[in-house]
Amino acid sequence: MTSQDAARTSENNYVSRQPTKDYNLHKHILFTLLLGNLEPLAGKCSCEKPWLPFLEHCYLFVDKRLNQTDAESTCQSLSDYSRACHLVSILSQVEQDFIAEGVWKHFGNRRATIGLKRVTGVFTWLDGSEMGYSAWQPGQPGTTAVCAATRRDTILWGDVNCQ
């Protein structure tokens, strides 16, 4: 496999996010992030290691190369009775900044799969969150790719093939 072939692969690291034990929200995984020892925010965030607390969710950065379908299945396997786990949905600039810092710390210039997928021509979050925020790289999304990942060079989003 040439370096150009490797660059086109749909297998990326990913990030997961889940609600804290104190909130009945969704879990999501973003494969790759470790920011060091984060303290729970004002006692409102309760995450078990290796999950990292941020706002009202717990994040897991996973340094494992999977396509979006397999990464989402892995995330869902981490769900428990009170908290669903999905690939990360990024709903604000603050969350985008948190994810971007983690991706750079753990993956350097490698990209990370996020929970955004084109369904009937429209990008939607796999966890059902509203699509009110976006951070697409200029010229993205394109017209053919179905999944999304952080871009290697900018941490902005770009579309990628799912398989």
Protein backbone atom coordinates (compact mmCIF):
# COMPACT_ATOMS: atom_id res chain seq x y z
CA MET A 1 0.00 0.00 0.00
CA THR A 2 1.42 3.37 -1.01
CA SER A 3 1.26 6.41 1.25
CA GLN A 4 -1.40 7.87 -1.08
CA ASP A 5 -3.51 4.71 -0.69
CA ALA A 6 -3.14 4.91 3.08
CA ALA A 7 -4.26 8.54 3.01
CA ARG A 8 -7.49 7.55 1.23
CA THR A 9 -8.45 4.77 3.63
CA SER A 10 -11.66 5.18 5.58
CA GLU A 11 -10.19 3.61 8.71
CA ASN A 12 -9.46 6.34 11.23
CA ASN A 13 -9.04 6.79 14.96
CA TYR A 14 -12.24 7.89 16.68
CA VAL A 15 -13.71 9.64 19.72
CA SER A 16 -16.64 8.55 21.87
CA ARG A 17 -18.85 10.61 24.16
CA GLN A 18 -21.29 9.57 26.91
CA PRO A 19 -23.28 11.47 29.51
CA THR A 20 -21.90 11.73 32.98
CA LYS A 21 -23.49 9.58 35.66
CA ASP A 22 -25.28 12.70 36.84
CA TYR A 23 -27.03 13.35 33.52
CA ASN A 24 -29.19 11.13 31.35
CA LEU A 25 -27.55 12.12 28.05
CA HIS A 26 -25.79 10.20 25.27
CA LYS A 27 -22.28 8.67 25.30
CA HIS A 28 -19.98 9.39 22.40
CA ILE A 29 -16.59 8.08 21.44
CA LEU A 30 -13.98 10.04 19.60
CA PHE A 31 -11.10 7.76 18.97
CA THR A 32 -8.11 9.62 20.30
CA LEU A 33 -7.84 12.06 23.15
CA LEU A 34 -6.01 12.29 26.37
CA LEU A 35 -5.66 15.68 27.96
CA GLY A 36 -4.16 14.61 31.25
CA ASN A 37 -5.92 14.66 34.59
CA LEU A 38 -9.13 16.63 34.28
CA GLU A 39 -11.08 17.29 37.44
CA PRO A 40 -14.87 16.92 37.45
CA LEU A 41 -16.45 20.28 36.70
CA ALA A 42 -18.09 21.73 39.82
CA GLY A 43 -18.93 18.23 41.00
CA LYS A 44 -21.35 17.79 38.09
CA CYS A 45 -19.25 15.50 35.96
CA SER A 46 -18.61 11.93 37.02
CA CYS A 47 -16.64 9.85 34.53
CA GLU A 48 -14.83 6.60 35.15
CA LYS A 49 -11.26 6.35 33.86
CA PRO A 50 -10.20 6.29 31.07
CA TRP A 51 -13.19 8.49 30.10
CA LEU A 52 -12.51 12.23 30.27
CA PRO A 53 -15.08 14.71 31.59
CA PHE A 54 -16.04 17.81 29.62
CA LEU A 55 -19.22 19.79 30.18
CA GLU A 56 -21.95 17.19 30.82
CA HIS A 57 -20.37 14.31 28.91
CA CYS A 58 -17.56 11.81 29.17
CA TYR A 59 -15.20 11.37 26.23
CA LEU A 60 -13.00 8.46 25.23
CA PHE A 61 -10.27 8.93 22.65
CA VAL A 62 -9.43 5.58 21.11
CA ASP A 63 -6.20 5.05 19.21
CA LYS A 64 -7.52 2.25 17.04
CA ARG A 65 -8.10 2.43 13.32
CA LEU A 66 -11.68 1.47 12.40
CA ASN A 67 -14.11 2.56 9.71
CA GLN A 68 -17.15 4.53 10.89
CA THR A 69 -19.51 1.54 10.95
CA ASP A 70 -17.17 -0.57 13.10
CA ALA A 71 -16.27 2.39 15.34
CA GLU A 72 -19.97 3.13 15.98
CA SER A 73 -20.60 -0.56 16.76
CA THR A 74 -17.68 -0.51 19.20
CA CYS A 75 -19.11 2.61 20.84
CA GLN A 76 -22.55 1.07 21.18
CA SER A 77 -21.02 -2.00 22.80
CA LEU A 78 -19.85 0.33 25.60
CA SER A 79 -23.42 1.49 26.37
CA ASP A 80 -25.04 0.60 29.66
CA TYR A 81 -28.66 0.65 30.80
CA SER A 82 -28.69 4.38 31.56
CA ARG A 83 -26.28 5.83 29.01
CA ALA A 84 -26.07 5.23 25.28
CA CYS A 85 -22.64 5.48 23.67
CA HIS A 86 -22.05 6.74 20.12
CA LEU A 87 -19.32 8.27 18.01
CA VAL A 88 -18.93 11.89 19.02
CA SER A 89 -21.39 14.53 17.88
CA ILE A 90 -19.87 18.00 18.02
CA LEU A 91 -22.55 20.53 18.88
CA SER A 92 -20.64 23.77 19.62
CA GLN A 93 -17.38 25.63 19.04
CA VAL A 94 -16.39 24.92 22.66
CA GLU A 95 -16.80 21.19 22.09
CA GLN A 96 -14.99 21.43 18.73
CA ASP A 97 -12.03 23.10 20.47
CA PHE A 98 -11.96 20.37 23.15
CA ILE A 99 -12.03 17.62 20.51
CA ALA A 100 -9.43 19.36 18.34
CA GLU A 101 -6.99 19.68 21.24
CA GLY A 102 -7.41 16.03 22.12
CA VAL A 103 -6.99 14.83 18.55
CA TRP A 104 -3.77 16.82 18.16
CA LYS A 105 -2.41 15.51 21.47
CA HIS A 106 -3.13 11.87 20.70
CA PHE A 107 -3.07 11.55 16.95
CA GLY A 108 -0.93 14.40 15.76
CA ASN A 109 -1.76 14.84 12.12
CA ARG A 110 -3.92 11.70 11.84
CA ARG A 111 -7.64 12.19 11.47
CA ALA A 112 -10.41 10.95 13.76
CA THR A 113 -13.83 9.66 12.72
CA ILE A 114 -16.81 11.56 14.10
CA GLY A 115 -20.45 10.49 14.29
CA LEU A 116 -21.63 12.41 11.24
CA LYS A 117 -23.08 10.55 8.25
CA ARG A 118 -24.90 11.54 5.06
CA VAL A 119 -28.40 10.06 5.03
CA THR A 120 -30.61 10.73 1.98
CA GLY A 121 -28.28 13.55 0.94
CA VAL A 122 -28.13 15.31 4.32
CA PHE A 123 -25.45 14.96 7.01
CA THR A 124 -26.92 13.92 10.37
CA TRP A 125 -25.48 12.89 13.74
CA LEU A 126 -25.63 9.16 14.48
CA ASP A 127 -26.95 9.84 18.00
CA GLY A 128 -29.88 11.89 16.65
CA SER A 129 -28.56 15.27 17.87
CA GLU A 130 -29.66 18.37 15.96
CA MET A 131 -27.24 19.61 13.29
CA GLY A 132 -27.02 23.20 14.55
CA TYR A 133 -23.22 23.59 14.43
CA SER A 134 -20.67 22.64 11.78
CA ALA A 135 -16.94 23.00 11.25
CA TRP A 136 -16.46 21.89 7.65
CA GLN A 137 -13.15 22.55 5.94
CA PRO A 138 -13.57 24.99 3.00
CA GLY A 139 -14.92 23.08 -0.01
CA GLN A 140 -16.43 20.35 2.20
CA PRO A 141 -18.56 18.39 2.29
CA GLY A 142 -18.16 17.05 -1.20
CA THR A 143 -20.95 15.41 -3.12
CA THR A 144 -20.09 11.71 -2.96
CA ALA A 145 -18.57 10.65 0.39
CA VAL A 146 -20.98 9.57 3.11
CA CYS A 147 -19.04 9.74 6.42
CA ALA A 148 -17.05 12.49 8.13
CA ALA A 149 -13.76 12.80 10.02
CA THR A 150 -11.56 15.54 11.39
CA ARG A 151 -9.05 16.55 8.75
CA ARG A 152 -5.37 15.83 9.40
CA ASP A 153 -4.10 19.31 8.68
CA THR A 154 -6.79 21.59 10.14
CA ILE A 155 -8.95 19.51 12.54
CA LEU A 156 -11.91 20.89 10.61
CA TRP A 157 -14.29 18.28 9.20
CA GLY A 158 -14.02 16.59 5.86
CA ASP A 159 -16.08 13.90 4.21
CA VAL A 160 -14.58 10.41 3.84
CA ASN A 161 -15.68 7.05 2.51
CA CYS A 162 -17.34 4.89 5.16
CA GLN A 163 -15.84 1.54 4.26
